[in-house]
Structures are given as structure tokens and as C-alpha cells.
């Protein structure tokens, strides 16, 4: 009998454990495939402090920690917490990414004691904490412009330059060894003095390879930090970064959601990533973040309505993935949040929180969804509309079947792929809590999905 697609589901008798493949030591110093072991089954939640509460402060955000923990969030990524330059400021409040002092706190958010208290609270509740770092440029009135003018790239007239339309910033000169040493020293500060667990590095292709090689090595010598580069360029993996952005996959998901490409087109970007990245390279998968929301209307216009769900499942279950949820997606916020102005996110309905919590619980508990777990694409009789695959680690398996179309699908999975599945019990998003074997036929609602786990 075909299994009906249903959301939600209950995870029964799944034991929480970590993927032990290639793990070198135990505890928070453990590494798996060269990465902090704690990130492999983890997830990231991007915190926009300015917009998160009416107060826009660390103390106000801290009131949401228990809710986020209950939803299953593991790692909190805070957008830049540093002061914002006033010269050339865009809008009323300016860009988070126009930093005036790398070792200070934006006074709008609180003070250093408030930040340290928040990190302590987060750690006590089991979160990891990473912060946004802007190494390519400073704000237009950073004190270095006066104290260290040679830290900046300058034009023929001697004026410090900005890039692109980032006129509120000034580009740093990584040919200067003193700048490199100073930048590394100030990145160390947040690890040693406030206890953070890593960095998301903005425009990571800006600084040089030699800088990043030296920098990441020194940071990881202090603590088992997670390093995320805002780029899809493979060379950042070669200089020590743990993860880069799944932009090729995200862009393809947008095209499929718009009906411009078939579900099978995912294979092309998966194959490209596999041939470009090293075998242990991790991608951060997402359906939205601060840039995509503010500038490109994600996800409320790029994956609108019911179409968001299967792509959210894909980000949580795909090979190499550490998935991201952006502030407000659990509500969801169906508008572009302004970049330079105050526009408070109002949490009231939390309509997606249930789906996210189920997916995060499955990821946290099942090693088959670890970033390095194996992946196999499955053939169906509806490959233009349906994307099916499974992940596996040891005796744990997760089967994912996604209807990436606006029409219902009656789909049969090729039996050759199902022969890889041993006898259950399996737990799934469906009408029955447990089943013994994997069936070949499924009825999926428009933009529906089924996830089966053991």
C-alpha cells in the first residue's frame, strides 16, 4: 500500500550518538575528518541581534535561548557584534559589516560583560557560539585609518579604497605582514577572552591564502574552533576552513522552486561539488540568510508557501551538509528585513518550528545525517519531479523522498536501490509509527516529502 506523505512525525527509539568515523580523540577537542566532531551532526542558527527583539540587545535575545534549545538549535551564529562606523553610514543604523573596532561591542547591543554573560548562558544550555568576522575591510572611520594607514589598499592619489558598492568600508591590505599579525591577534581575543567556538568569515576570498593558512592554524591551536567561509570557492578548504557555502545548490533549489529546472538538476551541482571540494569538505546548506532575505527575498518569495518544506528537508539531510536556519524562518517572517534600519522580528505563531524541531532532532540523533555519512542517489519513475536518496552510517540509515513540484506524485522507487536496506524497524513521517521494511511506492502531496529513518 502506498505510504501517504505526512508532516509531522514522531522519532521513536532513536538513540542519541555521534558519528565515530575517523574521530581522533574524545570530548570537545575531538576531530572527525579534520573538523571539530561537534559540528558533524550539528546545525547553525543565524542570530540578527538588531532585529531579533524590540530592544535589540544581548540580554533581550537571551530570553529566546530556551525556545531555540527546545527547537533543536545547536550552534548560534551571531552577525557582527562590533561597533558600526558612522562615516558614510548607510541608512539610519548602518551596515553590520562596516566595523569601526574589532575588539569592541556595538553599544546598541550592550557591553562586553553582557556578551560574556550571553556566551556563558549559551554554553551552559549546550549551544556552541560562533561570531561573524569581517576581515576584508573595515568601516570608513576605523581607528586604523589614522593609526595604521599602511593597513589599507590605496589608489594612486593615496586615498583608501572601497570595493563594489561598499562605500561605507575601506579595503585592507594583506600584503602588509603587520596587518596580518594584528588581525590574527584580534581574532584570538574573542576566543581567549569570551570563549567563542569559531567564526563565520565574511567575504573570505578577500584576504590571501597565506594569511588564512597561518590564521586558521593559530586559531585552531588555541581551541577546536569551527571555521565557516562565506564563499563557495574550494581553495578555502585547502587553507584550513571547515565549511563553505552551498551557493550552487541553493541557486539550483531556487530554479527548481520556480519551475525553471527539474528535480534531477540537483545532480549536476552535487557532482560539481564532489569534483571541486576535497572529500572531507563541508557545505553550509540554507534556504535563506541575512543577505538572501534582505536583498533577494528568500525564502518568502524564492521558495514560497508549501514549496519551502521539501527544500528545508534537503538542507537538513543532504550529503556534506551543516544546515542553517535564519532568524525568523521558524515564524516565518514573510518579508525582507531591512539591512540598515530597525525592523523587529515578531515571534508569535512559530508555524515552522514544529517541522524544524523534528528535522533537527533527527539530525542530532541519527549518525546517518552527519556531514560525512555516505550518500546514494535513488532512481524513481518520476525523477523530473521527485528527488530521492539515502544517507548511511554503520547500521543507521535515513531515506529521503522529496516532491519538488507543485503537483501530487505517485512515485515508485527503483527496487535495485531498495535492496540495500536490511530489515527494520524503520521510523518515518507517515501514518504508522514503525514498519519492518522499506516500501517501493509513495504518494506525495504537492511539495510533499517522506523521511524514513533507522
Protein backbone atom coordinates (compact mmCIF):
# COMPACT_ATOMS: atom_id res chain seq x y z
CA UNK A 1 0.00 0.00 0.00
CA UNK A 2 1.37 3.45 -0.84
CA UNK A 3 2.58 5.49 2.10
CA UNK A 4 0.86 8.87 2.43
CA UNK A 5 3.10 11.85 2.91
CA UNK A 6 2.52 13.38 6.31
CA UNK A 7 4.09 16.14 8.36
CA UNK A 8 4.75 15.82 11.30
CA UNK A 9 6.18 12.60 12.72
CA UNK A 10 7.49 11.14 15.97
CA UNK A 11 11.02 9.79 16.35
CA UNK A 12 10.75 6.57 18.32
CA UNK A 13 13.57 4.57 19.89
CA UNK A 14 16.33 6.52 18.20
CA UNK A 15 19.42 6.61 20.39
CA UNK A 16 21.47 9.79 20.50
CA UNK A 17 25.05 9.11 19.46
CA UNK A 18 27.84 10.68 17.48
CA UNK A 19 29.43 9.53 14.24
CA UNK A 20 32.74 7.96 15.20
CA UNK A 21 34.28 7.71 11.73
CA UNK A 22 37.91 8.88 11.81
CA UNK A 23 37.47 10.53 15.20
CA UNK A 24 40.87 11.08 16.79
CA UNK A 25 40.11 11.96 20.44
CA UNK A 26 37.12 12.41 22.74
CA UNK A 27 35.30 15.43 24.07
CA UNK A 28 35.21 18.93 22.57
CA UNK A 29 38.78 18.51 21.36
CA UNK A 30 37.69 15.62 19.14
CA UNK A 31 38.16 15.93 15.40
CA UNK A 32 36.40 13.97 12.67
CA UNK A 33 37.80 14.08 9.14
CA UNK A 34 39.81 17.13 10.21
CA UNK A 35 36.80 19.06 11.61
CA UNK A 36 35.52 19.60 15.15
CA UNK A 37 33.48 16.48 15.87
CA UNK A 38 30.77 18.60 17.48
CA UNK A 39 29.82 20.18 14.13
CA UNK A 40 29.26 16.95 12.18
CA UNK A 41 25.65 16.34 13.31
CA UNK A 42 25.12 19.92 14.39
CA UNK A 43 23.24 22.82 12.82
CA UNK A 44 23.54 26.61 12.71
CA UNK A 45 21.04 29.30 13.61
CA UNK A 46 21.91 32.82 12.43
CA UNK A 47 21.11 35.50 15.02
CA UNK A 48 20.33 39.03 13.82
CA UNK A 49 20.59 40.77 17.22
CA UNK A 50 19.44 44.16 15.92
CA UNK A 51 16.14 42.81 14.64
CA UNK A 52 15.53 39.91 16.99
CA UNK A 53 13.75 41.81 19.77
CA UNK A 54 12.29 45.30 20.25
CA UNK A 55 15.29 46.09 22.46
CA UNK A 56 17.82 44.67 20.02
CA UNK A 57 20.18 43.67 22.83
CA UNK A 58 22.09 40.60 24.01
CA UNK A 59 20.06 40.50 27.21
CA UNK A 60 16.77 40.54 25.31
CA UNK A 61 17.94 37.82 22.93
CA UNK A 62 18.95 35.61 25.85
CA UNK A 63 15.26 35.15 26.68
CA UNK A 64 14.93 33.12 23.46
CA UNK A 65 17.68 30.61 24.31
CA UNK A 66 15.34 28.06 25.88
CA UNK A 67 12.94 28.24 22.93
CA UNK A 68 15.78 27.73 20.45
CA UNK A 69 17.19 24.88 22.50
CA UNK A 70 13.79 23.21 22.52
CA UNK A 71 13.63 23.59 18.74
CA UNK A 72 16.94 21.73 18.50
CA UNK A 73 19.33 24.52 17.59
CA UNK A 74 22.95 23.56 18.25
CA UNK A 75 25.17 26.43 17.09
CA UNK A 76 24.36 30.13 17.34
CA UNK A 77 25.99 32.33 14.69
CA UNK A 78 25.82 35.98 15.68
CA UNK A 79 26.01 38.55 12.92
CA UNK A 80 28.75 41.16 13.61
CA UNK A 81 28.64 42.33 17.21
CA UNK A 82 31.21 45.11 16.75
CA UNK A 83 30.57 48.88 16.63
CA UNK A 84 29.48 50.29 13.25
CA UNK A 85 31.30 53.17 11.58
CA UNK A 86 29.47 56.48 11.29
CA UNK A 87 31.33 57.91 8.29
CA UNK A 88 29.50 57.08 5.08
CA UNK A 89 26.92 55.15 7.12
CA UNK A 90 24.12 53.69 5.03
CA UNK A 91 20.62 54.29 6.28
CA UNK A 92 19.92 55.18 9.89
CA UNK A 93 21.82 52.41 11.64
CA UNK A 94 24.44 51.42 9.06
CA UNK A 95 25.71 48.07 7.84
CA UNK A 96 26.62 45.40 10.34
CA UNK A 97 29.67 44.79 8.14
CA UNK A 98 31.22 48.29 8.41
CA UNK A 99 33.28 47.68 11.55
CA UNK A 100 34.86 50.56 13.48
CA UNK A 101 36.65 48.48 16.14
CA UNK A 102 37.30 44.73 16.02
CA UNK A 103 37.74 44.32 19.79
CA UNK A 104 34.72 46.28 20.98
CA UNK A 105 30.99 45.66 21.31
CA UNK A 106 28.31 47.55 19.41
CA UNK A 107 26.80 49.67 22.21
CA UNK A 108 23.33 49.19 20.71
CA UNK A 109 23.57 45.54 21.79
CA UNK A 110 25.02 46.05 25.28
CA UNK A 111 28.56 45.87 26.60
CA UNK A 112 31.33 43.29 26.88
CA UNK A 113 30.01 41.95 30.17
CA UNK A 114 26.61 41.41 28.53
CA UNK A 115 28.26 39.50 25.70
CA UNK A 116 30.33 37.31 28.02
CA UNK A 117 27.22 36.57 30.08
CA UNK A 118 25.32 35.55 26.93
CA UNK A 119 28.11 33.23 25.78
CA UNK A 120 28.20 31.69 29.25
CA UNK A 121 24.43 31.15 29.28
CA UNK A 122 24.54 29.65 25.79
CA UNK A 123 27.33 27.26 26.72
CA UNK A 124 25.53 26.19 29.90
CA UNK A 125 22.49 25.29 27.79
CA UNK A 126 24.62 23.25 25.39
CA UNK A 127 24.97 25.68 22.48
CA UNK A 128 28.13 26.42 20.56
CA UNK A 129 28.68 30.08 19.68
CA UNK A 130 30.35 31.50 16.57
CA UNK A 131 30.58 35.14 15.55
CA UNK A 132 30.72 36.95 12.24
CA UNK A 133 34.14 38.34 11.35
CA UNK A 134 34.78 40.90 8.61
CA UNK A 135 38.44 40.50 7.58
CA UNK A 136 38.37 42.01 4.09
CA UNK A 137 37.56 45.60 5.03
CA UNK A 138 36.82 47.93 7.92
CA UNK A 139 34.33 50.73 8.27
CA UNK A 140 35.22 54.13 6.84
CA UNK A 141 36.25 55.58 10.22
CA UNK A 142 38.05 52.64 11.83
CA UNK A 143 40.87 53.97 14.02
CA UNK A 144 43.39 52.05 11.93
CA UNK A 145 42.91 54.59 9.14
CA UNK A 146 44.71 57.13 11.32
CA UNK A 147 46.95 54.92 13.43
CA UNK A 148 47.94 52.39 10.74
CA UNK A 149 47.34 53.99 7.32
CA UNK A 150 49.51 51.32 5.68
CA UNK A 151 46.94 48.68 6.68
CA UNK A 152 44.79 49.80 3.73
CA UNK A 153 44.81 49.47 -0.04
CA UNK A 154 45.12 52.96 -1.55
CA UNK A 155 44.60 54.41 -5.01
CA UNK A 156 47.13 56.49 -6.97
CA UNK A 157 46.18 59.60 -5.01
CA UNK A 158 46.76 57.85 -1.69
CA UNK A 159 43.09 57.53 -0.78
CA UNK A 160 41.94 54.35 0.95
CA UNK A 161 39.66 52.48 -1.44
CA UNK A 162 36.36 50.65 -1.05
CA UNK A 163 35.11 47.71 -3.11
CA UNK A 164 31.98 47.28 -5.17
CA UNK A 165 29.22 49.50 -3.76
CA UNK A 166 30.51 49.10 -0.20
CA UNK A 167 31.22 52.83 0.04
CA UNK A 168 30.93 52.75 3.83
CA UNK A 169 34.02 50.50 4.06
CA UNK A 170 37.74 50.59 3.26
CA UNK A 171 39.70 47.63 1.88
CA UNK A 172 42.52 46.13 3.93
CA UNK A 173 46.00 45.46 2.53
CA UNK A 174 47.04 41.86 3.18
CA UNK A 175 50.44 42.45 1.63
CA UNK A 176 51.28 44.09 4.97
CA UNK A 177 52.62 41.50 7.47
CA UNK A 178 51.80 43.75 10.43
CA UNK A 179 48.14 43.86 9.40
CA UNK A 180 48.08 40.08 9.19
CA UNK A 181 49.56 39.68 12.67
CA UNK A 182 47.19 42.28 14.11
CA UNK A 183 44.14 40.67 12.54
CA UNK A 184 45.07 37.24 13.89
CA UNK A 185 45.72 38.70 17.33
CA UNK A 186 42.29 40.34 17.40
CA UNK A 187 40.60 37.13 16.28
CA UNK A 188 42.35 35.27 19.08
CA UNK A 189 40.99 37.82 21.54
CA UNK A 190 37.37 36.69 21.15
CA UNK A 191 38.33 33.05 21.65
CA UNK A 192 40.54 33.54 24.71
CA UNK A 193 38.58 36.35 26.36
CA UNK A 194 34.96 35.47 25.59
CA UNK A 195 35.08 31.74 24.86
CA UNK A 196 33.52 31.63 21.40
CA UNK A 197 33.70 28.40 19.40
CA UNK A 198 34.51 29.69 15.92
CA UNK A 199 33.96 32.19 13.16
CA UNK A 200 31.83 32.81 10.11
CA UNK A 201 34.21 34.85 7.94
CA UNK A 202 32.60 37.44 5.66
CA UNK A 203 33.86 37.71 2.06
CA UNK A 204 36.53 35.15 2.89
CA UNK A 205 38.09 35.27 -0.60
CA UNK A 206 39.36 38.81 0.09
CA UNK A 207 42.39 38.03 2.30
CA UNK A 208 45.27 35.98 0.90
CA UNK A 209 45.81 32.23 1.03
CA UNK A 210 48.95 32.64 3.10
CA UNK A 211 47.09 34.75 5.65
CA UNK A 212 44.31 32.22 6.08
CA UNK A 213 46.71 29.28 6.31
CA UNK A 214 48.58 30.98 9.14
CA UNK A 215 45.46 32.38 10.79
CA UNK A 216 43.38 29.20 10.90
CA UNK A 217 46.35 27.18 12.14
CA UNK A 218 46.91 29.59 15.02
CA UNK A 219 43.24 29.77 15.99
CA UNK A 220 42.82 26.00 15.98
CA UNK A 221 45.93 25.69 18.16
CA UNK A 222 44.05 27.63 20.84
CA UNK A 223 40.70 25.84 20.62
CA UNK A 224 38.89 23.30 18.49
CA UNK A 225 37.07 26.06 16.59
CA UNK A 226 34.73 25.72 13.63
CA UNK A 227 35.67 27.94 10.68
CA UNK A 228 33.00 28.83 8.11
CA UNK A 229 33.93 30.80 4.98
CA UNK A 230 31.38 32.93 3.16
CA UNK A 231 32.21 31.62 -0.28
CA UNK A 232 31.74 28.54 -2.41
CA UNK A 233 35.39 28.66 -3.56
CA UNK A 234 37.14 25.35 -2.92
CA UNK A 235 40.54 26.85 -2.07
CA UNK A 236 39.28 27.96 1.35
CA UNK A 237 39.10 24.28 2.33
CA UNK A 238 42.76 23.94 1.45
CA UNK A 239 43.81 26.67 3.89
CA UNK A 240 42.01 25.17 6.88
CA UNK A 241 38.36 26.21 6.73
CA UNK A 242 35.91 23.52 7.77
CA UNK A 243 32.97 24.66 5.65
CA UNK A 244 31.94 26.89 2.77
CA UNK A 245 28.55 27.99 1.43
CA UNK A 246 26.35 25.71 -0.69
CA UNK A 247 25.56 28.53 -3.09
CA UNK A 248 25.48 26.34 -6.23
CA UNK A 249 22.96 24.06 -4.54
CA UNK A 250 20.94 27.00 -3.20
CA UNK A 251 20.76 28.66 -6.61
CA UNK A 252 19.60 25.41 -8.18
CA UNK A 253 16.95 24.96 -5.49
CA UNK A 254 15.59 28.42 -6.33
CA UNK A 255 15.35 27.50 -10.02
CA UNK A 256 13.55 24.24 -9.23
CA UNK A 257 11.14 26.00 -6.88
CA UNK A 258 10.34 28.47 -9.68
CA UNK A 259 9.66 25.62 -12.13
CA UNK A 260 12.63 26.57 -14.29
CA UNK A 261 14.60 23.37 -13.72
CA UNK A 262 13.70 19.74 -12.99
CA UNK A 263 14.35 17.99 -9.70
CA UNK A 264 17.07 15.89 -11.36
CA UNK A 265 19.11 19.05 -11.94
CA UNK A 266 20.29 18.78 -8.33
CA UNK A 267 22.61 16.02 -9.54
CA UNK A 268 24.62 18.46 -11.63
CA UNK A 269 25.53 20.70 -8.68
CA UNK A 270 26.14 17.71 -6.40
CA UNK A 271 28.56 16.30 -8.96
CA UNK A 272 30.23 19.69 -9.39
CA UNK A 273 30.74 19.99 -5.64
CA UNK A 274 32.12 16.46 -5.42
CA UNK A 275 34.65 17.13 -8.16
CA UNK A 276 35.65 20.54 -6.77
CA UNK A 277 35.83 20.11 -3.00
CA UNK A 278 38.11 17.74 -1.10
CA UNK A 279 36.38 14.56 0.14
CA UNK A 280 36.10 15.96 3.67
CA UNK A 281 34.79 19.38 2.60
CA UNK A 282 31.60 20.54 4.34
CA UNK A 283 28.96 22.87 2.89
CA UNK A 284 26.55 25.05 4.83
CA UNK A 285 23.14 24.47 3.22
CA UNK A 286 20.38 27.05 3.58
CA UNK A 287 17.09 28.35 2.22
CA UNK A 288 17.78 31.90 3.46
CA UNK A 289 20.28 34.05 5.35
CA UNK A 290 20.64 37.78 6.06
CA UNK A 291 21.82 38.65 2.53
CA UNK A 292 19.40 36.39 0.69
CA UNK A 293 16.49 37.65 2.78
CA UNK A 294 17.26 41.37 2.62
CA UNK A 295 18.37 41.59 -0.99
CA UNK A 296 16.85 38.58 -2.80
CA UNK A 297 13.55 37.91 -0.98
CA UNK A 298 14.49 34.49 0.39
CA UNK A 299 12.70 32.39 1.35
CA UNK A 300 9.29 34.05 1.27
CA UNK A 301 9.46 34.72 -2.48
CA UNK A 302 12.12 32.27 -3.69
CA UNK A 303 10.54 29.19 -2.03
CA UNK A 304 7.08 30.49 -1.14
CA UNK A 305 4.35 28.75 0.80
CA UNK A 306 4.40 24.97 0.78
CA UNK A 307 7.43 24.86 -1.52
CA UNK A 308 9.72 25.78 1.37
CA UNK A 309 9.25 22.46 3.18
CA UNK A 310 10.99 19.95 0.86
CA UNK A 311 13.93 22.30 0.34
CA UNK A 312 14.25 22.76 4.11
CA UNK A 313 14.33 18.96 4.40
CA UNK A 314 17.00 18.83 1.70
CA UNK A 315 19.24 21.27 3.60
CA UNK A 316 18.93 19.13 6.73
CA UNK A 317 19.57 15.77 5.10
CA UNK A 318 21.93 16.30 2.14
CA UNK A 319 25.47 14.97 1.96
CA UNK A 320 28.25 17.26 3.28
CA UNK A 321 25.60 19.46 4.90
CA UNK A 322 25.63 21.51 8.05
CA UNK A 323 22.21 23.21 7.75
CA UNK A 324 21.36 26.84 8.53
CA UNK A 325 18.15 28.46 9.78
CA UNK A 326 17.99 32.28 9.68
CA UNK A 327 16.34 34.43 12.34
CA UNK A 328 12.58 34.39 11.86
CA UNK A 329 12.32 31.49 9.43
CA UNK A 330 10.59 29.48 12.13
CA UNK A 331 7.79 32.08 12.36
CA UNK A 332 8.03 32.54 9.28
CA UNK A 333 8.80 36.18 8.52
CA UNK A 334 7.35 36.79 5.06
CA UNK A 335 9.17 40.00 4.16
CA UNK A 336 12.64 41.34 3.51
CA UNK A 337 14.18 42.53 6.79
CA UNK A 338 15.89 45.90 6.13
CA UNK A 339 19.67 45.93 6.32
CA UNK A 340 20.23 49.46 7.60
CA UNK A 341 17.08 50.17 9.62
CA UNK A 342 15.32 48.76 12.68
CA UNK A 343 12.53 46.29 11.85
CA UNK A 344 11.79 43.97 14.75
CA UNK A 345 11.01 40.32 14.09
CA UNK A 346 7.82 39.38 15.90
CA UNK A 347 7.64 35.79 17.11
CA UNK A 348 4.04 34.72 17.65
CA UNK A 349 2.84 31.74 15.63
CA UNK A 350 6.10 29.79 15.11
CA UNK A 351 4.37 27.89 12.32
CA UNK A 352 7.53 26.17 11.07
CA UNK A 353 9.07 25.47 14.49
CA UNK A 354 7.47 22.03 14.69
CA UNK A 355 8.87 20.92 11.35
CA UNK A 356 12.30 22.31 12.14
CA UNK A 357 12.38 20.70 15.58
CA UNK A 358 11.56 17.29 14.10
CA UNK A 359 14.25 17.61 11.45
CA UNK A 360 16.84 18.89 13.92
CA UNK A 361 16.02 16.09 16.36
CA UNK A 362 16.50 13.51 13.63
CA UNK A 363 19.79 15.07 12.55
CA UNK A 364 21.06 15.31 16.14
CA UNK A 365 20.16 11.70 16.94
CA UNK A 366 20.95 9.80 13.75
CA UNK A 367 24.59 9.47 12.59
CA UNK A 368 23.35 8.81 9.03
CA UNK A 369 22.81 12.58 8.75
CA UNK A 370 26.33 13.52 9.86
CA UNK A 371 28.13 15.69 7.33
CA UNK A 372 30.44 12.82 6.40
CA UNK A 373 27.87 9.99 6.27
CA UNK A 374 27.59 8.19 2.94
CA UNK A 375 25.13 9.24 0.25
CA UNK A 376 23.41 7.35 -2.55
CA UNK A 377 21.01 8.81 -5.10
CA UNK A 378 17.97 6.62 -5.82
CA UNK A 379 16.25 6.23 -9.19
CA UNK A 380 12.48 6.69 -9.35
CA UNK A 381 9.90 6.66 -12.11
CA UNK A 382 9.38 10.42 -11.56
CA UNK A 383 12.93 11.78 -11.47
CA UNK A 384 11.92 15.03 -13.16
CA UNK A 385 9.66 15.81 -10.18
CA UNK A 386 11.00 13.72 -7.31
CA UNK A 387 14.47 13.64 -5.76
CA UNK A 388 15.23 10.55 -3.68
CA UNK A 389 18.36 9.43 -1.85
CA UNK A 390 19.56 7.82 1.32
CA UNK A 391 22.31 8.52 3.83
CA UNK A 392 24.05 5.82 5.84
CA UNK A 393 26.47 5.44 8.72
CA UNK A 394 27.05 1.97 10.14
CA UNK A 395 23.66 0.45 10.96
CA UNK A 396 21.88 3.81 10.72
CA UNK A 397 20.04 4.81 7.54
CA UNK A 398 17.87 7.76 6.52
CA UNK A 399 15.82 7.60 3.30
CA UNK A 400 14.60 10.92 1.87
CA UNK A 401 11.97 11.29 -0.87
CA UNK A 402 11.14 14.87 -1.95
CA UNK A 403 8.40 16.04 -4.29
CA UNK A 404 9.97 19.15 -5.80
CA UNK A 405 6.90 20.03 -7.84
CA UNK A 406 3.52 21.66 -7.33
CA UNK A 407 1.64 18.53 -8.43
CA UNK A 408 0.90 15.38 -6.39
CA UNK A 409 3.12 12.46 -7.30
CA UNK A 410 2.53 8.71 -7.19
CA UNK A 411 6.16 7.56 -7.27
CA UNK A 412 7.91 4.21 -7.36
CA UNK A 413 11.49 3.90 -6.12
CA UNK A 414 13.66 1.53 -8.14
CA UNK A 415 13.94 -1.81 -6.34
CA UNK A 416 17.66 -2.07 -7.06
CA UNK A 417 18.24 0.79 -4.64
CA UNK A 418 15.92 -0.65 -2.02
CA UNK A 419 17.85 -3.93 -1.92
CA UNK A 420 20.48 -2.06 0.09
CA UNK A 421 18.03 -1.83 3.00
CA UNK A 422 18.04 -4.59 5.59
CA UNK A 423 15.04 -5.49 7.73
CA UNK A 424 13.77 -2.69 10.05
CA UNK A 425 12.34 -1.41 12.26
CA UNK A 426 12.15 1.93 10.44
CA UNK A 427 10.52 5.11 11.71
CA UNK A 428 9.00 7.57 9.28
CA UNK A 429 6.90 10.64 8.60
CA UNK A 430 3.77 8.68 7.95
CA UNK A 431 0.60 7.17 9.29
CA UNK A 432 2.30 4.27 11.07
CA UNK A 433 4.96 4.77 13.72
CA UNK A 434 7.14 1.78 12.81
CA UNK A 435 7.46 -0.50 9.80
CA UNK A 436 9.58 -3.56 9.13
CA UNK A 437 10.68 -2.99 5.52
CA UNK A 438 11.05 -0.12 3.06
CA UNK A 439 8.12 0.01 0.58
CA UNK A 440 8.76 0.98 -3.06
CA UNK A 441 5.65 3.12 -3.70
CA UNK A 442 4.76 6.53 -2.22
CA UNK A 443 2.01 9.12 -2.63
CA UNK A 444 3.38 12.61 -2.15
CA UNK A 445 1.39 15.79 -1.83
CA UNK A 446 2.45 18.85 -3.86
CA UNK A 447 5.80 19.89 -2.39
CA UNK A 448 5.49 16.90 -0.05
CA UNK A 449 8.15 14.66 1.39
CA UNK A 450 8.74 11.42 3.27
CA UNK A 451 11.71 10.74 5.52
CA UNK A 452 12.30 7.20 6.81
CA UNK A 453 14.96 6.54 9.45
CA UNK A 454 16.60 3.69 11.32
